[in-house]
Amino acid sequence: MNAPLKKPRPPKVHLRTYESGNQVWQINYVDPFTGKRCQASFSGRKDDALDFAHKLYREIVDKFNGIEQTALTEATYTEVIEAFILDKQNRIRPSSIKRYRIYTDNFKAFMAQRFPRIQQIVDIRKVYFEEFLRHLQNSGQEVGTINSTLRVLKSVFIYAVKERYLRENPISTVERFKDEKRAEERRFWTEKELQVIFGAVNAYWRPIYEFIYLTGLREGELINLTWDAVDLNSARPRIKIQAMGDWVPKTGERREVFLNNRAAEIILARHETRAENKYVFTAQMGGKIKEKTIYDNLAYPLRKLHAQGKVSFLGSVHTLRHTFASHLAMRGVSPHALMKLLGHSSIETTMIYAHLDPRYLEGVVDLLNEVEPETKT
């Protein structure tokens, strides 16, 4: 006599980290018809992985209850790519849309040449992506560009699953290339070096550079920060990063950034300029700051300090953002918390910033000194 089928249980979602540092969400569930344990992998944000797991569970329950599954929407991969870009059109910057089109056009050209018979998105397989990435590498593409291409294509296929063009993402487990050059660019300054740098820059610009370090803002986010996005009256002072006029944040998404005491003091000190200018941070002569101005006012002091051996490398304004993330990572802040603070759309991007000082890693193992082994009686 066959044992009765067990009612499906919700899938379990957990984060898996590979030796390379890449991370994917693993979705574990039991097939109620066979009793076998199954696993699916999902690359992207936790919310998207949970959404995917929920849809998977709903499909399993429907099948268990004899309910016919909803048919997938038929479409070619080129149609889905266009739908994805259209979906992003008003939510990310035009420059990002341009990059998305370059990356996806390269993929479409490769598929048309190598696999011309493959048209429907349901026929796309993981091996096609792996060959495409090798093609880019053999063509002399920079590792950073290859990884950016992969990140965009993963977003396309996450969208395809959410919109019912696919049941599973064929590209979810494709790993990014290790980028030694990018890792070198993600160097950060020590706290001692920061104090030297802040002491060397023009007094007018110092609070601006401090604020970037204290919040991890991008230059464009600081330049376009307006007073109506500042809230100093809540129990926890905060600012909102949101689209304004013709400026759109890099990811197109609105986020809140909480301020520590020093960051709040910097904004309070500028409060008297509120009636004169809608921007929180302004140029010395008033008006909106130009990105080149922020860069130039830091570049000269940095060159001088580096020549004197007071900083270990030159860096740039963006290095303050790297330093913000690195210092928090060394204090035990999780990659997912960093992802929210930095406004990243993917955990993979955050892992680039979450590098740690080797001296910190040496001391981490000492935390287990306080754990006493259980003794047998």
Protein backbone atom coordinates (compact mmCIF):
# COMPACT_ATOMS: atom_id res chain seq x y z
CA MET A 1 0.00 0.00 0.00
CA ASN A 2 1.46 3.37 -0.99
CA ALA A 3 2.12 5.85 1.80
CA PRO A 4 -0.06 8.98 1.64
CA LEU A 5 1.55 12.02 0.13
CA LYS A 6 2.84 14.53 2.64
CA LYS A 7 1.48 18.04 2.42
CA PRO A 8 4.06 20.37 0.85
CA ARG A 9 6.04 22.51 3.25
CA PRO A 10 7.31 26.01 2.40
CA PRO A 11 10.82 26.06 0.91
CA LYS A 12 13.72 27.16 3.10
CA VAL A 13 15.86 30.00 1.82
CA HIS A 14 19.44 30.55 2.94
CA LEU A 15 22.54 32.29 1.64
CA ARG A 16 25.45 30.21 0.37
CA THR A 17 28.92 31.70 0.03
CA TYR A 18 31.43 30.11 -2.34
CA GLU A 19 35.20 30.11 -1.84
CA SER A 20 35.45 32.81 -4.51
CA GLY A 21 33.32 35.09 -2.33
CA ASN A 22 30.32 34.88 -4.68
CA GLN A 23 26.98 34.36 -2.99
CA VAL A 24 23.70 32.82 -4.13
CA TRP A 25 20.40 32.17 -2.40
CA GLN A 26 19.66 28.46 -2.11
CA ILE A 27 16.04 27.37 -2.03
CA ASN A 28 15.54 23.90 -0.51
CA TYR A 29 12.26 22.01 -0.68
CA VAL A 30 10.87 18.48 -0.72
CA ASP A 31 9.00 17.11 -3.73
CA PRO A 32 5.74 15.76 -2.16
CA PHE A 33 5.32 13.21 -4.97
CA THR A 34 8.75 11.58 -4.72
CA GLY A 35 9.81 12.56 -1.20
CA LYS A 36 13.15 13.69 -2.62
CA ARG A 37 14.94 16.80 -1.41
CA CYS A 38 15.32 19.38 -4.17
CA GLN A 39 17.30 22.55 -4.49
CA ALA A 40 17.19 25.66 -6.64
CA SER A 41 19.70 28.50 -6.72
CA PHE A 42 18.85 32.16 -7.09
CA SER A 43 21.22 35.10 -7.60
CA GLY A 44 19.99 38.54 -6.66
CA ARG A 45 18.40 40.34 -3.74
CA LYS A 46 16.92 38.49 -0.78
CA ASP A 47 13.45 39.92 -1.45
CA ASP A 48 13.55 38.58 -5.00
CA ALA A 49 14.72 35.16 -3.77
CA LEU A 50 11.88 35.03 -1.23
CA ASP A 51 9.42 36.05 -3.94
CA PHE A 52 10.75 33.29 -6.18
CA ALA A 53 10.48 30.74 -3.31
CA HIS A 54 6.89 31.82 -2.64
CA LYS A 55 5.93 31.34 -6.29
CA LEU A 56 7.66 27.95 -6.35
CA TYR A 57 5.76 26.86 -3.23
CA ARG A 58 2.47 28.04 -4.72
CA GLU A 59 3.12 25.98 -7.86
CA ILE A 60 3.94 22.88 -5.78
CA VAL A 61 0.78 23.31 -3.68
CA ASP A 62 -1.35 23.76 -6.80
CA LYS A 63 0.12 20.62 -8.32
CA PHE A 64 -0.44 18.75 -5.02
CA ASN A 65 -4.09 19.84 -5.00
CA GLY A 66 -4.58 18.88 -8.64
CA ILE A 67 -4.81 22.46 -9.85
CA GLU A 68 -3.40 22.98 -13.32
CA GLN A 69 -0.39 25.27 -13.37
CA THR A 70 -0.65 28.60 -15.11
CA ALA A 71 0.97 28.41 -18.50
CA LEU A 72 4.07 30.45 -19.12
CA THR A 73 3.87 33.43 -21.44
CA GLU A 74 5.52 32.62 -24.73
CA ALA A 75 8.16 35.10 -25.87
CA THR A 76 11.53 35.29 -27.56
CA TYR A 77 14.53 36.27 -25.46
CA THR A 78 14.83 39.51 -27.48
CA GLU A 79 11.22 40.41 -26.63
CA VAL A 80 11.85 39.79 -22.93
CA ILE A 81 15.01 41.90 -23.00
CA GLU A 82 13.06 44.77 -24.54
CA ALA A 83 10.29 44.37 -21.96
CA PHE A 84 12.88 44.42 -19.18
CA ILE A 85 14.51 47.61 -20.47
CA LEU A 86 11.10 49.24 -20.89
CA ASP A 87 10.29 48.30 -17.29
CA LYS A 88 13.51 50.00 -16.14
CA GLN A 89 13.16 53.03 -18.43
CA ASN A 90 11.71 55.46 -15.89
CA ARG A 91 13.40 54.01 -12.82
CA ILE A 92 17.10 54.25 -13.60
CA ARG A 93 19.33 56.86 -15.19
CA PRO A 94 19.52 57.22 -19.00
CA SER A 95 23.24 56.41 -18.82
CA SER A 96 22.38 53.09 -17.12
CA ILE A 97 19.79 52.31 -19.79
CA LYS A 98 22.46 52.95 -22.41
CA ARG A 99 24.81 50.49 -20.68
CA TYR A 100 22.02 47.90 -20.39
CA ARG A 101 21.42 48.15 -24.13
CA ILE A 102 25.11 47.72 -24.94
CA TYR A 103 25.40 44.59 -22.76
CA THR A 104 22.15 43.01 -23.98
CA ASP A 105 22.84 43.88 -27.63
CA ASN A 106 26.20 42.09 -27.33
CA PHE A 107 24.41 39.03 -25.97
CA LYS A 108 21.81 39.09 -28.74
CA ALA A 109 24.52 39.41 -31.41
CA PHE A 110 26.42 36.46 -29.92
CA MET A 111 23.29 34.28 -29.80
CA ALA A 112 22.36 35.19 -33.38
CA GLN A 113 25.80 34.14 -34.58
CA ARG A 114 26.44 31.04 -32.46
CA PHE A 115 22.94 29.72 -31.78
CA PRO A 116 20.69 31.17 -34.51
CA ARG A 117 18.00 28.49 -34.03
CA ILE A 118 17.46 29.45 -30.38
CA GLN A 119 14.75 32.10 -30.25
CA GLN A 120 12.34 31.32 -27.41
CA ILE A 121 13.42 32.34 -23.94
CA VAL A 122 12.42 28.93 -22.52
CA ASP A 123 15.11 27.35 -24.70
CA ILE A 124 17.94 29.42 -23.20
CA ARG A 125 20.43 27.28 -21.25
CA LYS A 126 23.20 28.08 -18.78
CA VAL A 127 25.87 26.84 -21.21
CA TYR A 128 25.01 29.65 -23.66
CA PHE A 129 25.86 32.26 -21.04
CA GLU A 130 29.10 30.55 -20.12
CA GLU A 131 30.15 30.47 -23.77
CA PHE A 132 29.15 34.12 -24.15
CA LEU A 133 31.31 35.14 -21.18
CA ARG A 134 34.27 33.17 -22.56
CA HIS A 135 33.69 34.91 -25.89
CA LEU A 136 33.89 38.31 -24.16
CA GLN A 137 37.04 37.26 -22.34
CA ASN A 138 38.70 36.00 -25.54
CA SER A 139 37.74 39.26 -27.25
CA GLY A 140 39.85 41.17 -24.72
CA GLN A 141 37.02 42.60 -22.61
CA GLU A 142 37.98 43.86 -19.15
CA VAL A 143 36.93 41.57 -16.30
CA GLY A 144 34.93 44.41 -14.76
CA THR A 145 32.93 44.83 -17.99
CA ILE A 146 32.29 41.08 -18.22
CA ASN A 147 31.00 41.01 -14.65
CA SER A 148 28.79 44.05 -15.30
CA THR A 149 27.37 42.31 -18.37
CA LEU A 150 26.65 39.21 -16.30
CA ARG A 151 24.96 41.29 -13.60
CA VAL A 152 22.62 42.93 -16.12
CA LEU A 153 21.75 39.63 -17.80
CA LYS A 154 20.98 38.09 -14.42
CA SER A 155 18.58 40.97 -13.79
CA VAL A 156 16.92 40.29 -17.14
CA PHE A 157 16.27 36.67 -16.26
CA ILE A 158 15.13 37.47 -12.73
CA TYR A 159 12.58 39.71 -14.42
CA ALA A 160 11.67 36.86 -16.80
CA VAL A 161 10.89 34.54 -13.87
CA LYS A 162 8.85 37.18 -12.02
CA GLU A 163 6.82 37.93 -15.16
CA ARG A 164 6.11 34.25 -15.86
CA TYR A 165 8.18 33.88 -19.00
CA LEU A 166 10.26 31.24 -17.15
CA ARG A 167 9.87 28.98 -14.13
CA GLU A 168 13.57 28.99 -13.24
CA ASN A 169 16.49 31.29 -13.91
CA PRO A 170 19.07 29.45 -16.08
CA ILE A 171 21.79 31.96 -15.22
CA SER A 172 21.39 32.10 -11.43
CA THR A 173 24.44 29.95 -10.63
CA VAL A 174 26.84 31.46 -13.18
CA GLU A 175 29.69 32.98 -11.16
CA ARG A 176 31.38 36.26 -11.90
CA PHE A 177 35.05 36.41 -12.85
CA LYS A 178 37.63 37.23 -10.18
CA ASP A 179 38.75 40.80 -10.84
CA GLU A 180 42.22 41.47 -9.41
CA LYS A 181 42.31 44.96 -10.92
CA ARG A 182 38.94 45.84 -9.40
CA ALA A 183 40.09 44.56 -6.02
CA GLU A 184 43.11 46.86 -6.22
CA GLU A 185 40.83 49.80 -6.99
CA ARG A 186 38.77 49.04 -3.88
CA ARG A 187 41.58 50.00 -1.52
CA PHE A 188 40.66 52.15 1.45
CA TRP A 189 42.30 54.66 3.75
CA THR A 190 42.96 54.06 7.42
CA GLU A 191 41.38 56.28 10.06
CA LYS A 192 44.77 57.94 10.59
CA GLU A 193 45.08 58.67 6.86
CA LEU A 194 41.55 60.10 6.83
CA GLN A 195 42.43 62.60 9.55
CA VAL A 196 45.53 63.66 7.60
CA ILE A 197 43.43 64.08 4.44
CA PHE A 198 40.66 66.04 6.18
CA GLY A 199 43.29 68.29 7.73
CA ALA A 200 44.90 69.01 4.35
CA VAL A 201 41.83 69.93 2.26
CA ASN A 202 40.34 73.41 2.00
CA ALA A 203 38.27 74.18 5.12
CA TYR A 204 35.14 74.83 3.04
CA TRP A 205 35.24 71.37 1.45
CA ARG A 206 36.23 69.38 4.52
CA PRO A 207 32.64 68.86 5.85
CA ILE A 208 31.61 67.63 2.40
CA TYR A 209 34.34 64.99 2.25
CA GLU A 210 33.61 64.02 5.86
CA PHE A 211 29.92 63.64 5.05
CA ILE A 212 30.66 61.32 2.12
CA TYR A 213 32.80 59.15 4.40
CA LEU A 214 30.23 59.16 7.23
CA THR A 215 27.30 58.18 4.97
CA GLY A 216 28.85 56.33 2.01
CA LEU A 217 27.00 58.56 -0.46
CA ARG A 218 27.96 58.68 -4.11
CA GLU A 219 29.12 62.09 -5.35
CA GLY A 220 25.95 62.56 -7.39
CA GLU A 221 23.79 61.73 -4.37
CA LEU A 222 25.54 64.37 -2.26
CA ILE A 223 25.44 67.03 -4.98
CA ASN A 224 21.70 66.49 -5.58
CA LEU A 225 20.69 66.29 -1.90
CA THR A 226 17.96 68.87 -1.26
CA TRP A 227 16.57 70.21 1.99
CA ASP A 228 13.19 68.58 1.48
CA ALA A 229 14.96 65.21 1.66
CA VAL A 230 16.42 65.97 5.10
CA ASP A 231 14.69 64.91 8.31
CA LEU A 232 16.43 66.04 11.50
CA ASN A 233 13.29 66.01 13.67
CA SER A 234 12.86 62.25 13.95
CA ALA A 235 14.35 60.24 16.80
CA ARG A 236 16.98 59.17 14.28
CA PRO A 237 18.08 61.91 11.82
CA ARG A 238 17.99 60.73 8.22
CA ILE A 239 18.10 61.79 4.60
CA LYS A 240 16.27 60.43 1.56
CA ILE A 241 18.03 59.60 -1.67
CA GLN A 242 15.42 59.97 -4.40
CA ALA A 243 14.94 61.12 -7.98
CA MET A 244 14.67 64.86 -8.47
CA GLY A 245 14.01 66.68 -11.72
CA ASP A 246 16.23 65.20 -14.41
CA TRP A 247 18.52 63.49 -11.88
CA VAL A 248 17.90 59.83 -10.99
CA PRO A 249 19.92 57.77 -8.44
CA LYS A 250 22.17 55.14 -9.94
CA THR A 251 19.83 52.22 -9.16
CA GLY A 252 16.71 54.32 -9.62
CA GLU A 253 15.44 53.27 -6.21
CA ARG A 254 14.58 55.54 -3.30
CA ARG A 255 16.35 54.81 -0.01
CA GLU A 256 16.83 56.33 3.44
CA VAL A 257 20.26 56.93 4.95
CA PHE A 258 20.48 57.32 8.72
CA LEU A 259 22.90 59.88 10.09
CA ASN A 260 25.27 59.53 13.01
CA ASN A 261 25.89 62.50 15.32
CA ARG A 262 28.76 64.00 13.31
CA ALA A 263 26.88 63.71 10.00
CA ALA A 264 23.82 65.40 11.56
CA GLU A 265 26.05 68.19 12.93
CA ILE A 266 27.44 68.84 9.43
CA ILE A 267 23.93 69.34 8.04
CA LEU A 268 22.83 71.47 11.01
CA ALA A 269 25.80 73.76 10.46
CA ARG A 270 24.52 74.44 6.91
CA HIS A 271 20.91 75.02 7.93
CA GLU A 272 21.22 78.81 7.59
CA THR A 273 21.71 78.41 3.81
CA ARG A 274 18.35 76.68 3.43
CA ALA A 275 16.45 79.85 2.51
CA GLU A 276 19.00 80.75 -0.18
CA ASN A 277 19.47 77.40 -1.90
CA LYS A 278 17.44 74.21 -2.21
CA TYR A 279 20.62 72.13 -2.17
CA VAL A 280 22.15 71.16 1.18
CA PHE A 281 25.72 71.33 -0.11
CA THR A 282 26.58 74.20 -2.43
CA ALA A 283 29.59 75.59 -4.28
CA GLN A 284 31.69 78.22 -2.51
CA MET A 285 30.12 81.00 -4.55
CA GLY A 286 26.66 79.47 -4.18
CA GLY A 287 24.66 77.31 -6.55
CA LYS A 288 24.94 73.66 -7.41
CA ILE A 289 28.30 71.92 -7.05
CA LYS A 290 29.93 70.42 -10.11
CA GLU A 291 31.36 66.89 -9.72
CA LYS A 292 34.69 68.06 -11.20
CA THR A 293 34.92 70.66 -8.43
CA ILE A 294 34.61 68.01 -5.72
CA TYR A 295 37.23 65.91 -7.48
CA ASP A 296 39.71 68.77 -8.03
CA ASN A 297 39.57 70.04 -4.45
CA LEU A 298 40.61 66.63 -3.17
CA ALA A 299 43.01 65.57 -5.93
CA TYR A 300 45.67 68.23 -5.32
CA PRO A 301 46.00 67.70 -1.53
CA LEU A 302 46.09 63.94 -2.12
CA ARG A 303 48.96 64.19 -4.59
CA LYS A 304 50.90 66.31 -2.12
CA LEU A 305 50.23 63.95 0.81
CA HIS A 306 51.17 60.90 -1.28
CA ALA A 307 54.44 62.50 -2.36
CA GLN A 308 55.20 63.15 1.33
CA GLY A 309 54.42 59.53 2.21
CA LYS A 310 51.50 60.51 4.46
CA VAL A 311 48.94 58.41 2.55
CA SER A 312 49.64 54.95 1.14
CA PHE A 313 47.94 55.55 -2.23
CA LEU A 314 46.24 58.38 -4.12
CA GLY A 315 42.60 57.33 -4.39
CA SER A 316 39.77 59.73 -5.19
CA VAL A 317 36.48 61.06 -3.82
CA HIS A 318 34.91 57.66 -4.47
CA THR A 319 37.54 56.08 -2.23
CA LEU A 320 35.75 57.74 0.70
CA ARG A 321 32.76 55.54 -0.14
CA HIS A 322 34.97 52.44 -0.29
CA THR A 323 36.49 53.45 3.05
CA PHE A 324 33.04 53.87 4.61
CA ALA A 325 32.08 50.32 3.58
CA SER A 326 35.43 48.79 4.53
CA HIS A 327 35.54 50.36 7.99
CA LEU A 328 32.00 49.13 8.71
CA ALA A 329 32.85 45.65 7.41
CA MET A 330 35.87 45.53 9.74
CA ARG A 331 33.51 46.33 12.61
CA GLY A 332 31.35 43.32 11.81
CA VAL A 333 28.57 44.91 9.72
CA SER A 334 27.02 42.22 7.52
CA PRO A 335 27.17 42.41 3.70
CA HIS A 336 23.36 42.70 3.58
CA ALA A 337 23.34 45.68 5.90
CA LEU A 338 26.10 47.24 3.78
CA MET A 339 24.05 46.59 0.65
CA LYS A 340 21.19 48.65 2.09
CA LEU A 341 23.49 51.44 3.29
CA LEU A 342 25.30 51.71 -0.03
CA GLY A 343 22.15 51.47 -2.12
CA HIS A 344 23.28 48.47 -4.13
CA SER A 345 20.76 46.43 -6.10
CA SER A 346 22.81 43.23 -5.84
CA ILE A 347 24.74 41.54 -3.02
CA GLU A 348 27.46 40.69 -5.56
CA THR A 349 28.36 44.35 -5.87
CA THR A 350 28.53 44.75 -2.09
CA MET A 351 30.92 41.82 -1.77
CA ILE A 352 33.46 43.84 -3.76
CA TYR A 353 33.42 46.49 -1.02
CA ALA A 354 33.34 44.08 1.91
CA HIS A 355 37.04 43.36 1.88
CA LEU A 356 38.67 43.30 5.29
CA ASP A 357 42.03 44.33 6.69
CA PRO A 358 44.19 41.16 7.11
CA ARG A 359 45.07 42.30 10.64
CA TYR A 360 41.39 42.22 11.48
CA LEU A 361 41.04 38.71 10.08
CA GLU A 362 43.99 37.55 12.18
CA GLY A 363 42.18 38.63 15.34
CA VAL A 364 38.77 37.21 14.43
CA VAL A 365 39.74 33.64 15.38
CA ASP A 366 40.47 34.83 18.92
CA LEU A 367 36.73 35.29 19.41
CA LEU A 368 36.51 31.52 19.88
CA ASN A 369 38.86 31.68 22.87
CA GLU A 370 35.83 32.46 24.99
CA VAL A 371 33.99 29.31 23.85
CA GLU A 372 34.67 26.43 26.20
CA PRO A 373 34.24 22.90 24.83
CA GLU A 374 31.46 20.88 26.35
CA THR A 375 32.86 18.34 28.84
CA LYS A 376 31.49 14.87 29.26
CA THR A 377 30.45 13.70 32.71
